[in-house]
C-alpha atoms as a PDB file:
ATOM      1  CA  UNK A   1      23.480 -32.586  -2.356  1.00  0.00           C
ATOM      2  CA  UNK A   2      19.909 -31.281  -2.317  1.00  0.00           C
ATOM      3  CA  UNK A   3      18.617 -29.383   0.705  1.00  0.00           C
ATOM      4  CA  UNK A   4      15.683 -27.301   1.895  1.00  0.00           C
ATOM      5  CA  UNK A   5      15.995 -23.612   0.874  1.00  0.00           C
ATOM      6  CA  UNK A   6      17.223 -21.617   3.831  1.00  0.00           C
ATOM      7  CA  UNK A   7      15.674 -18.349   2.658  1.00  0.00           C
ATOM      8  CA  UNK A   8      12.220 -19.424   1.488  1.00  0.00           C
ATOM      9  CA  UNK A   9       9.666 -16.965   2.898  1.00  0.00           C
ATOM     10  CA  UNK A  10       6.396 -18.155   1.325  1.00  0.00           C
ATOM     11  CA  UNK A  11       4.830 -21.176  -0.354  1.00  0.00           C
ATOM     12  CA  UNK A  12       5.046 -24.861   0.463  1.00  0.00           C
ATOM     13  CA  UNK A  13       8.210 -25.976   2.246  1.00  0.00           C
ATOM     14  CA  UNK A  14       9.953 -29.337   2.012  1.00  0.00           C
ATOM     15  CA  UNK A  15       9.849 -29.982   5.758  1.00  0.00           C
ATOM     16  CA  UNK A  16       8.145 -32.525   8.014  1.00  0.00           C
ATOM     17  CA  UNK A  17       7.666 -34.954   5.129  1.00  0.00           C
ATOM     18  CA  UNK A  18       5.923 -32.417   2.889  1.00  0.00           C
ATOM     19  CA  UNK A  19       6.466 -31.767  -0.792  1.00  0.00           C
ATOM     20  CA  UNK A  20       8.339 -28.564  -1.507  1.00  0.00           C
ATOM     21  CA  UNK A  21      11.248 -26.990  -3.377  1.00  0.00           C
ATOM     22  CA  UNK A  22      14.889 -27.915  -2.934  1.00  0.00           C
ATOM     23  CA  UNK A  23      18.203 -26.268  -3.769  1.00  0.00           C
ATOM     24  CA  UNK A  24      21.748 -27.411  -4.410  1.00  0.00           C
ATOM     25  CA  UNK A  25      25.140 -25.769  -3.964  1.00  0.00           C
ATOM     26  CA  UNK A  26      25.400 -24.882  -7.663  1.00  0.00           C
ATOM     27  CA  UNK A  27      22.810 -22.109  -7.721  1.00  0.00           C
ATOM     28  CA  UNK A  28      19.835 -24.232  -8.805  1.00  0.00           C
ATOM     29  CA  UNK A  29      16.316 -24.139  -7.366  1.00  0.00           C
ATOM     30  CA  UNK A  30      14.190 -27.270  -7.861  1.00  0.00           C
ATOM     31  CA  UNK A  31      10.450 -26.678  -7.782  1.00  0.00           C
ATOM     32  CA  UNK A  32       8.189 -29.757  -7.812  1.00  0.00           C
ATOM     33  CA  UNK A  33       5.639 -29.757 -10.606  1.00  0.00           C
ATOM     34  CA  UNK A  34       2.080 -29.764  -9.317  1.00  0.00           C
ATOM     35  CA  UNK A  35       0.307 -32.914 -10.513  1.00  0.00           C
ATOM     36  CA  UNK A  36      -3.041 -32.584  -8.753  1.00  0.00           C
ATOM     37  CA  UNK A  37      -4.383 -30.184 -11.372  1.00  0.00           C
ATOM     38  CA  UNK A  38      -3.163 -28.140 -14.330  1.00  0.00           C
ATOM     39  CA  UNK A  39      -0.828 -25.905 -12.328  1.00  0.00           C
ATOM     40  CA  UNK A  40       2.325 -27.870 -13.075  1.00  0.00           C
ATOM     41  CA  UNK A  41       1.591 -28.073 -16.787  1.00  0.00           C
ATOM     42  CA  UNK A  42       0.678 -24.385 -16.901  1.00  0.00           C
ATOM     43  CA  UNK A  43       3.908 -23.286 -15.216  1.00  0.00           C
ATOM     44  CA  UNK A  44       6.099 -25.506 -17.379  1.00  0.00           C
ATOM     45  CA  UNK A  45       4.310 -24.265 -20.498  1.00  0.00           C
ATOM     46  CA  UNK A  46       4.928 -20.674 -19.446  1.00  0.00           C
ATOM     47  CA  UNK A  47       8.658 -21.200 -18.933  1.00  0.00           C
ATOM     48  CA  UNK A  48       9.000 -22.876 -22.344  1.00  0.00           C
ATOM     49  CA  UNK A  49       6.986 -20.102 -23.976  1.00  0.00           C
ATOM     50  CA  UNK A  50       8.724 -17.218 -22.230  1.00  0.00           C
ATOM     51  CA  UNK A  51      12.277 -18.498 -22.700  1.00  0.00           C
ATOM     52  CA  UNK A  52      11.756 -18.955 -26.456  1.00  0.00           C
ATOM     53  CA  UNK A  53       9.587 -15.884 -27.110  1.00  0.00           C
ATOM     54  CA  UNK A  54      11.483 -13.484 -29.363  1.00  0.00           C
ATOM     55  CA  UNK A  55       9.016 -10.693 -28.535  1.00  0.00           C
ATOM     56  CA  UNK A  56      10.277 -10.462 -24.947  1.00  0.00           C
ATOM     57  CA  UNK A  57      12.729  -7.536 -24.692  1.00  0.00           C
ATOM     58  CA  UNK A  58      16.198  -8.625 -23.648  1.00  0.00           C
ATOM     59  CA  UNK A  59      16.239  -6.405 -20.555  1.00  0.00           C
ATOM     60  CA  UNK A  60      12.993  -7.962 -19.284  1.00  0.00           C
ATOM     61  CA  UNK A  61      14.543 -11.429 -19.004  1.00  0.00           C
ATOM     62  CA  UNK A  62      16.581 -10.346 -15.997  1.00  0.00           C
ATOM     63  CA  UNK A  63      13.367 -10.033 -13.982  1.00  0.00           C
ATOM     64  CA  UNK A  64      12.653 -13.762 -14.357  1.00  0.00           C
ATOM     65  CA  UNK A  65      14.515 -16.765 -12.925  1.00  0.00           C
ATOM     66  CA  UNK A  66      16.668 -18.558 -15.487  1.00  0.00           C
ATOM     67  CA  UNK A  67      14.946 -21.754 -16.655  1.00  0.00           C
ATOM     68  CA  UNK A  68      17.129 -24.879 -16.941  1.00  0.00           C
ATOM     69  CA  UNK A  69      14.461 -27.401 -17.950  1.00  0.00           C
ATOM     70  CA  UNK A  70      13.119 -30.261 -15.820  1.00  0.00           C
ATOM     71  CA  UNK A  71      14.653 -33.134 -13.899  1.00  0.00           C
ATOM     72  CA  UNK A  72      13.376 -36.244 -12.140  1.00  0.00           C
ATOM     73  CA  UNK A  73      14.238 -36.156  -8.446  1.00  0.00           C
ATOM     74  CA  UNK A  74      13.318 -38.076  -5.334  1.00  0.00           C
ATOM     75  CA  UNK A  75      10.418 -36.123  -3.864  1.00  0.00           C
ATOM     76  CA  UNK A  76      10.828 -34.580  -0.425  1.00  0.00           C
ATOM     77  CA  UNK A  77       7.551 -36.161   0.738  1.00  0.00           C
ATOM     78  CA  UNK A  78       8.812 -39.686   0.068  1.00  0.00           C
ATOM     79  CA  UNK A  79       6.439 -40.298  -2.854  1.00  0.00           C
ATOM     80  CA  UNK A  80       9.235 -41.427  -5.174  1.00  0.00           C
ATOM     81  CA  UNK A  81      10.546 -39.817  -8.326  1.00  0.00           C
ATOM     82  CA  UNK A  82       8.836 -36.647  -9.446  1.00  0.00           C
ATOM     83  CA  UNK A  83       9.527 -34.076 -12.183  1.00  0.00           C
ATOM     84  CA  UNK A  84      10.948 -30.785 -10.911  1.00  0.00           C
ATOM     85  CA  UNK A  85      11.416 -27.463 -12.632  1.00  0.00           C
ATOM     86  CA  UNK A  86      15.097 -26.550 -12.539  1.00  0.00           C
ATOM     87  CA  UNK A  87      15.404 -22.794 -12.026  1.00  0.00           C
ATOM     88  CA  UNK A  88      17.917 -20.224 -10.936  1.00  0.00           C
ATOM     89  CA  UNK A  89      18.275 -20.023  -7.150  1.00  0.00           C
ATOM     90  CA  UNK A  90      17.728 -16.287  -6.785  1.00  0.00           C
ATOM     91  CA  UNK A  91      19.168 -16.169  -3.266  1.00  0.00           C
ATOM     92  CA  UNK A  92      22.399 -18.050  -4.003  1.00  0.00           C
ATOM     93  CA  UNK A  93      24.423 -14.872  -4.636  1.00  0.00           C
ATOM     94  CA  UNK A  94      23.170 -13.160  -1.489  1.00  0.00           C
ATOM     95  CA  UNK A  95      24.531 -13.305   2.043  1.00  0.00           C
ATOM     96  CA  UNK A  96      21.732 -13.299   4.625  1.00  0.00           C
ATOM     97  CA  UNK A  97      19.288 -11.546   2.270  1.00  0.00           C
ATOM     98  CA  UNK A  98      16.354  -9.467   3.403  1.00  0.00           C
ATOM     99  CA  UNK A  99      13.394 -10.629   1.285  1.00  0.00           C
ATOM    100  CA  UNK A 100       9.859  -9.452   0.543  1.00  0.00           C
ATOM    101  CA  UNK A 101       7.412 -11.641  -1.393  1.00  0.00           C
ATOM    102  CA  UNK A 102       4.612  -9.459  -2.805  1.00  0.00           C
ATOM    103  CA  UNK A 103       1.667 -11.079  -4.584  1.00  0.00           C
ATOM    104  CA  UNK A 104       0.537  -8.594  -7.237  1.00  0.00           C
ATOM    105  CA  UNK A 105      -3.014  -7.947  -8.429  1.00  0.00           C
ATOM    106  CA  UNK A 106      -6.385  -7.237  -6.857  1.00  0.00           C
ATOM    107  CA  UNK A 107      -7.620 -10.605  -8.156  1.00  0.00           C
ATOM    108  CA  UNK A 108      -5.552 -13.789  -7.868  1.00  0.00           C
ATOM    109  CA  UNK A 109      -7.997 -16.179  -9.508  1.00  0.00           C
ATOM    110  CA  UNK A 110      -8.653 -16.716 -13.218  1.00  0.00           C
ATOM    111  CA  UNK A 111     -11.727 -17.862 -15.117  1.00  0.00           C
ATOM    112  CA  UNK A 112     -10.222 -21.172 -16.235  1.00  0.00           C
ATOM    113  CA  UNK A 113      -9.695 -22.335 -12.637  1.00  0.00           C
ATOM    114  CA  UNK A 114     -11.982 -24.705 -10.754  1.00  0.00           C
ATOM    115  CA  UNK A 115     -14.848 -23.264  -8.737  1.00  0.00           C
ATOM    116  CA  UNK A 116     -13.255 -24.394  -5.453  1.00  0.00           C
ATOM    117  CA  UNK A 117     -10.018 -22.654  -6.342  1.00  0.00           C
ATOM    118  CA  UNK A 118     -11.850 -19.462  -7.313  1.00  0.00           C
ATOM    119  CA  UNK A 119     -13.828 -19.426  -4.059  1.00  0.00           C
ATOM    120  CA  UNK A 120     -10.671 -19.967  -1.971  1.00  0.00           C
ATOM    121  CA  UNK A 121      -8.878 -17.158  -3.786  1.00  0.00           C
ATOM    122  CA  UNK A 122     -11.903 -14.874  -3.583  1.00  0.00           C
ATOM    123  CA  UNK A 123     -12.075 -15.317   0.191  1.00  0.00           C
ATOM    124  CA  UNK A 124      -8.352 -14.729   0.701  1.00  0.00           C
ATOM    125  CA  UNK A 125      -8.334 -11.722  -1.601  1.00  0.00           C
ATOM    126  CA  UNK A 126     -11.163 -10.092   0.381  1.00  0.00           C
ATOM    127  CA  UNK A 127      -9.659 -10.828   3.802  1.00  0.00           C
ATOM    128  CA  UNK A 128      -6.170  -9.505   2.977  1.00  0.00           C
ATOM    129  CA  UNK A 129      -4.938  -6.294   1.350  1.00  0.00           C
ATOM    130  CA  UNK A 130      -5.245  -7.862  -2.115  1.00  0.00           C
ATOM    131  CA  UNK A 131      -8.557  -6.172  -2.952  1.00  0.00           C
ATOM    132  CA  UNK A 132      -8.002  -2.923  -1.068  1.00  0.00           C
ATOM    133  CA  UNK A 133      -4.398  -2.264  -2.171  1.00  0.00           C
ATOM    134  CA  UNK A 134      -4.018  -4.394  -5.295  1.00  0.00           C
ATOM    135  CA  UNK A 135      -1.277  -6.481  -3.674  1.00  0.00           C
ATOM    136  CA  UNK A 136      -0.436  -8.308  -0.469  1.00  0.00           C
ATOM    137  CA  UNK A 137       2.696  -9.370   1.350  1.00  0.00           C
ATOM    138  CA  UNK A 138       2.939 -13.179   1.299  1.00  0.00           C
ATOM    139  CA  UNK A 139       6.131 -13.595   3.272  1.00  0.00           C
ATOM    140  CA  UNK A 140       9.251 -11.811   4.398  1.00  0.00           C
ATOM    141  CA  UNK A 141      12.459 -11.950   6.302  1.00  0.00           C
ATOM    142  CA  UNK A 142      14.484  -8.914   7.328  1.00  0.00           C
ATOM    143  CA  UNK A 143      18.054  -9.301   8.477  1.00  0.00           C
ATOM    144  CA  UNK A 144      19.451  -7.553  11.514  1.00  0.00           C
ATOM    145  CA  UNK A 145      22.586  -8.106  13.550  1.00  0.00           C
ATOM    146  CA  UNK A 146      20.839 -10.556  15.858  1.00  0.00           C
ATOM    147  CA  UNK A 147      19.422 -12.680  13.024  1.00  0.00           C
ATOM    148  CA  UNK A 148      16.243 -12.515  10.957  1.00  0.00           C
ATOM    149  CA  UNK A 149      12.896 -10.978  11.737  1.00  0.00           C
ATOM    150  CA  UNK A 150      10.521 -13.402  10.055  1.00  0.00           C
ATOM    151  CA  UNK A 151       6.902 -13.038  11.200  1.00  0.00           C
ATOM    152  CA  UNK A 152       4.634 -16.063  10.958  1.00  0.00           C
ATOM    153  CA  UNK A 153       2.241 -16.584   8.074  1.00  0.00           C
ATOM    154  CA  UNK A 154      -0.856 -15.897  10.160  1.00  0.00           C
ATOM    155  CA  UNK A 155       0.485 -12.512  11.202  1.00  0.00           C
ATOM    156  CA  UNK A 156       1.508 -11.675   7.631  1.00  0.00           C
ATOM    157  CA  UNK A 157      -1.912 -12.662   6.304  1.00  0.00           C
ATOM    158  CA  UNK A 158      -3.529 -10.162   8.677  1.00  0.00           C
ATOM    159  CA  UNK A 159      -1.362  -7.212   7.618  1.00  0.00           C
ATOM    160  CA  UNK A 160      -3.223  -3.947   7.096  1.00  0.00           C
ATOM    161  CA  UNK A 161      -2.202  -1.064   4.840  1.00  0.00           C
ATOM    162  CA  UNK A 162      -0.392   0.518   7.791  1.00  0.00           C
ATOM    163  CA  UNK A 163       1.443  -2.751   8.433  1.00  0.00           C
ATOM    164  CA  UNK A 164       2.536  -2.814   4.787  1.00  0.00           C
ATOM    165  CA  UNK A 165       3.953   0.710   5.092  1.00  0.00           C
ATOM    166  CA  UNK A 166       5.752  -0.284   8.279  1.00  0.00           C
ATOM    167  CA  UNK A 167       7.280  -3.387   6.685  1.00  0.00           C
ATOM    168  CA  UNK A 168       8.490  -1.404   3.670  1.00  0.00           C
ATOM    169  CA  UNK A 169      10.210   0.993   6.074  1.00  0.00           C
ATOM    170  CA  UNK A 170      11.712  -1.797   8.164  1.00  0.00           C
ATOM    171  CA  UNK A 171      12.991  -3.480   5.017  1.00  0.00           C
ATOM    172  CA  UNK A 172      15.419  -0.585   4.471  1.00  0.00           C
ATOM    173  CA  UNK A 173      16.196   0.212   8.112  1.00  0.00           C
ATOM    174  CA  UNK A 174      18.994  -0.727  10.470  1.00  0.00           C
ATOM    175  CA  UNK A 175      16.345  -1.710  13.007  1.00  0.00           C
ATOM    176  CA  UNK A 176      13.008  -3.515  12.937  1.00  0.00           C
ATOM    177  CA  UNK A 177      11.517  -1.808  15.976  1.00  0.00           C
ATOM    178  CA  UNK A 178       8.439   0.438  16.145  1.00  0.00           C
ATOM    179  CA  UNK A 179      10.397   3.430  14.760  1.00  0.00           C
ATOM    180  CA  UNK A 180      12.435   2.206  11.753  1.00  0.00           C
ATOM    181  CA  UNK A 181      15.095   4.684  10.631  1.00  0.00           C
ATOM    182  CA  UNK A 182      14.913   4.005   6.848  1.00  0.00           C
ATOM    183  CA  UNK A 183      18.630   4.740   6.652  1.00  0.00           C
ATOM    184  CA  UNK A 184      19.119   2.461   3.619  1.00  0.00           C
ATOM    185  CA  UNK A 185      16.066   3.679   1.674  1.00  0.00           C
ATOM    186  CA  UNK A 186      17.973   5.934  -0.698  1.00  0.00           C
ATOM    187  CA  UNK A 187      20.509   3.238  -1.604  1.00  0.00           C
ATOM    188  CA  UNK A 188      18.058   0.331  -1.894  1.00  0.00           C
ATOM    189  CA  UNK A 189      14.858   1.935  -3.207  1.00  0.00           C
ATOM    190  CA  UNK A 190      16.439   4.936  -4.950  1.00  0.00           C
ATOM    191  CA  UNK A 191      19.089   5.484  -7.598  1.00  0.00           C
ATOM    192  CA  UNK A 192      19.410   4.266 -11.174  1.00  0.00           C
ATOM    193  CA  UNK A 193      19.945   0.664 -10.004  1.00  0.00           C
ATOM    194  CA  UNK A 194      17.504   0.800  -7.098  1.00  0.00           C
ATOM    195  CA  UNK A 195      14.356  -1.191  -6.580  1.00  0.00           C
ATOM    196  CA  UNK A 196      12.012   1.667  -7.505  1.00  0.00           C
ATOM    197  CA  UNK A 197      13.691   2.210 -10.865  1.00  0.00           C
ATOM    198  CA  UNK A 198      13.438  -1.498 -11.649  1.00  0.00           C
ATOM    199  CA  UNK A 199       9.782  -1.595 -10.676  1.00  0.00           C
ATOM    200  CA  UNK A 200       9.157   1.348 -12.998  1.00  0.00           C
ATOM    201  CA  UNK A 201      10.956  -0.556 -15.768  1.00  0.00           C
ATOM    202  CA  UNK A 202       8.609  -3.500 -15.211  1.00  0.00           C
ATOM    203  CA  UNK A 203       5.641  -1.137 -15.198  1.00  0.00           C
ATOM    204  CA  UNK A 204       6.635   0.224 -18.607  1.00  0.00           C
ATOM    205  CA  UNK A 205       6.670  -3.306 -20.043  1.00  0.00           C
ATOM    206  CA  UNK A 206       3.313  -4.211 -18.521  1.00  0.00           C
ATOM    207  CA  UNK A 207       1.790  -1.077 -20.023  1.00  0.00           C
ATOM    208  CA  UNK A 208       2.364  -2.631 -23.457  1.00  0.00           C
ATOM    209  CA  UNK A 209       2.662  -6.414 -23.176  1.00  0.00           C
ATOM    210  CA  UNK A 210      -0.477  -8.384 -24.056  1.00  0.00           C
ATOM    211  CA  UNK A 211       1.015 -11.885 -24.332  1.00  0.00           C
ATOM    212  CA  UNK A 212       0.458 -13.087 -20.760  1.00  0.00           C
ATOM    213  CA  UNK A 213      -1.792 -12.426 -17.797  1.00  0.00           C
ATOM    214  CA  UNK A 214       0.093 -13.053 -14.547  1.00  0.00           C
ATOM    215  CA  UNK A 215      -2.486 -14.235 -12.029  1.00  0.00           C
ATOM    216  CA  UNK A 216      -1.269 -14.937  -8.483  1.00  0.00           C
ATOM    217  CA  UNK A 217       2.294 -14.026  -9.436  1.00  0.00           C
ATOM    218  CA  UNK A 218       4.726 -12.448  -6.974  1.00  0.00           C
ATOM    219  CA  UNK A 219       7.344  -9.753  -7.129  1.00  0.00           C
ATOM    220  CA  UNK A 220      10.322 -10.726  -4.991  1.00  0.00           C
ATOM    221  CA  UNK A 221      12.516  -7.979  -3.541  1.00  0.00           C
ATOM    222  CA  UNK A 222      15.829  -8.887  -1.961  1.00  0.00           C
ATOM    223  CA  UNK A 223      19.067  -7.248  -0.921  1.00  0.00           C
ATOM    224  CA  UNK A 224      21.972  -7.806   1.445  1.00  0.00           C
ATOM    225  CA  UNK A 225      21.529  -5.561   4.459  1.00  0.00           C
ATOM    226  CA  UNK A 226      24.626  -7.165   5.946  1.00  0.00           C
ATOM    227  CA  UNK A 227      26.637  -5.538   3.156  1.00  0.00           C
ATOM    228  CA  UNK A 228      25.513  -2.149   4.469  1.00  0.00           C
ATOM    229  CA  UNK A 229      26.358  -3.068   8.011  1.00  0.00           C
ATOM    230  CA  UNK A 230      29.860  -3.984   6.814  1.00  0.00           C
ATOM    231  CA  UNK A 231      30.220  -0.810   4.779  1.00  0.00           C
ATOM    232  CA  UNK A 232      29.884  -2.517   1.392  1.00  0.00           C
ATOM    233  CA  UNK A 233      27.707  -1.751  -1.628  1.00  0.00           C
ATOM    234  CA  UNK A 234      24.334  -3.581  -1.526  1.00  0.00           C
ATOM    235  CA  UNK A 235      23.101  -5.916  -4.207  1.00  0.00           C
ATOM    236  CA  UNK A 236      19.366  -5.340  -4.652  1.00  0.00           C
ATOM    237  CA  UNK A 237      17.207  -7.418  -7.009  1.00  0.00           C
ATOM    238  CA  UNK A 238      13.638  -7.496  -8.283  1.00  0.00           C
ATOM    239  CA  UNK A 239      12.342 -10.813  -9.622  1.00  0.00           C
ATOM    240  CA  UNK A 240       8.982 -12.184 -10.731  1.00  0.00           C
ATOM    241  CA  UNK A 241       8.194 -15.676  -9.448  1.00  0.00           C
ATOM    242  CA  UNK A 242       5.354 -18.227  -9.377  1.00  0.00           C
ATOM    243  CA  UNK A 243       3.805 -18.785 -12.794  1.00  0.00           C
ATOM    244  CA  UNK A 244       1.442 -21.698 -12.179  1.00  0.00           C
ATOM    245  CA  UNK A 245      -1.522 -19.431 -12.943  1.00  0.00           C
ATOM    246  CA  UNK A 246      -0.290 -17.509 -15.964  1.00  0.00           C
ATOM    247  CA  UNK A 247      -2.840 -17.492 -18.797  1.00  0.00           C
ATOM    248  CA  UNK A 248      -2.812 -16.283 -22.391  1.00  0.00           C
ATOM    249  CA  UNK A 249      -3.208 -12.519 -22.651  1.00  0.00           C
ATOM    250  CA  UNK A 250      -5.117 -12.768 -25.945  1.00  0.00           C
ATOM    251  CA  UNK A 251      -3.921  -9.336 -27.004  1.00  0.00           C
ATOM    252  CA  UNK A 252      -5.282  -7.579 -23.897  1.00  0.00           C
ATOM    253  CA  UNK A 253      -3.168  -5.637 -21.405  1.00  0.00           C
ATOM    254  CA  UNK A 254      -2.919  -7.304 -17.991  1.00  0.00           C
ATOM    255  CA  UNK A 255      -4.652  -4.492 -16.109  1.00  0.00           C
ATOM    256  CA  UNK A 256      -4.961  -6.619 -12.961  1.00  0.00           C
ATOM    257  CA  UNK A 257      -1.206  -7.017 -12.596  1.00  0.00           C
ATOM    258  CA  UNK A 258      -0.426  -3.526 -13.884  1.00  0.00           C
ATOM    259  CA  UNK A 259      -2.822  -1.900 -11.431  1.00  0.00           C
ATOM    260  CA  UNK A 260      -1.389  -3.834  -8.484  1.00  0.00           C
ATOM    261  CA  UNK A 261       2.155  -3.035  -9.553  1.00  0.00           C
ATOM    262  CA  UNK A 262       1.339   0.683  -9.799  1.00  0.00           C
ATOM    263  CA  UNK A 263      -0.160   0.584  -6.305  1.00  0.00           C
ATOM    264  CA  UNK A 264       2.910  -1.131  -4.894  1.00  0.00           C
ATOM    265  CA  UNK A 265       5.208   1.354  -6.642  1.00  0.00           C
ATOM    266  CA  UNK A 266       3.363   4.214  -4.918  1.00  0.00           C
ATOM    267  CA  UNK A 267       3.932   2.618  -1.517  1.00  0.00           C
ATOM    268  CA  UNK A 268       7.654   2.156  -2.188  1.00  0.00           C
ATOM    269  CA  UNK A 269       7.894   5.664  -3.637  1.00  0.00           C
ATOM    270  CA  UNK A 270       6.284   7.163  -0.546  1.00  0.00           C
ATOM    271  CA  UNK A 271       8.749   5.442   1.782  1.00  0.00           C
ATOM    272  CA  UNK A 272      11.605   6.785  -0.317  1.00  0.00           C
ATOM    273  CA  UNK A 273      10.072  10.268  -0.467  1.00  0.00           C
ATOM    274  CA  UNK A 274       9.502  10.334   3.289  1.00  0.00           C
ATOM    275  CA  UNK A 275      13.083   9.235   3.916  1.00  0.00           C
ATOM    276  CA  UNK A 276      14.392  12.051   1.708  1.00  0.00           C
ATOM    277  CA  UNK A 277      11.919  14.662   2.847  1.00  0.00           C
ATOM    278  CA  UNK A 278      10.722  15.214  -0.718  1.00  0.00           C
ATOM    279  CA  UNK A 279       8.146  13.846  -3.168  1.00  0.00           C
ATOM    280  CA  UNK A 280       8.631  11.558  -6.156  1.00  0.00           C
ATOM    281  CA  UNK A 281       4.993  11.339  -7.172  1.00  0.00           C
ATOM    282  CA  UNK A 282       5.784  12.984 -10.518  1.00  0.00           C
ATOM    283  CA  UNK A 283       7.721   9.856 -11.556  1.00  0.00           C
ATOM    284  CA  UNK A 284       4.674   7.641 -11.294  1.00  0.00           C
END
C-alpha cells in the first residue's frame, strides 16, 4: 500500500490533493516525474547515466539513493496514471530519524533553465543563506522525547548564519532549547564513520569529478537520536538527493557545489570542535 512519506522535510508533499512522492512498506520511495518542463527527463537521465557509469568509484554510490527504474502509478493529485521514479526510501531503516536537508551551492540555477526559473532561483538565493554561505537549510526535523521539532518552511527560509549554527548544534543535542548541549556531536559528527568524515569523502570526489554539475541538489543528513536515548549505537547517513537540475560537467570541476560543500563542512567541523574544546580546522 502506498502512503505519504512520514519523514519528508522539504519539497512537494502528496497532501491535500497535491502531487508528491509516496512510499511503500518495502523500502521504496516513489517520486513523480515532473512533466511541466525538462526536470523529469533530466532527473531520469541522470539516474540512468549515474547507475551505469563505470567511472563512478564504488564507494561513492553509497551516497546516492538506489535507483530501481520507473513505474506507472495513480497520481496523488487524482490526475490519473503517471510515471514515477522508484528509489530507495532512505528513511526506511531509521526509527524516528532526525533529518537535515541542505541545498548545496551559492547558485541553484543553471544556464539551460528558463528565464522565469532563473529569476525565481536568483531571488531565493539572495534572500536566504545560499549566496552568503554557499548553502541553505531547506527543511529539518529533530527528534526529542516529546516528538519532533519541525519548524515551518517560512521560518526555515529566513534562517541566518547564526540560525544555521544553532540548528547544527540542536541536531546533535539531547534538547532543542536555546542552549543545546551537543552531547551527541562526537558520535554523530565525529569518528571514522561520522558525518564529517563522510562529507570529507564526498569533498575529495568533487575535487576531481568533472562529469556532472549538481545544481540545486541537497545533502541529506539523518540519524536516530532515539537510539542514543535508549543507549544504542546511532546509525548516521549522508545522502545526495534531488537531481532534476543536474547538467553535464563538460570536463570542468563543479566549483559551485564543491565550494558550498566546503563551507558546510566548516560549519559542521566548528560545532564538533566546540563540543570537544579543540580545533579540527587542519582537516579541511
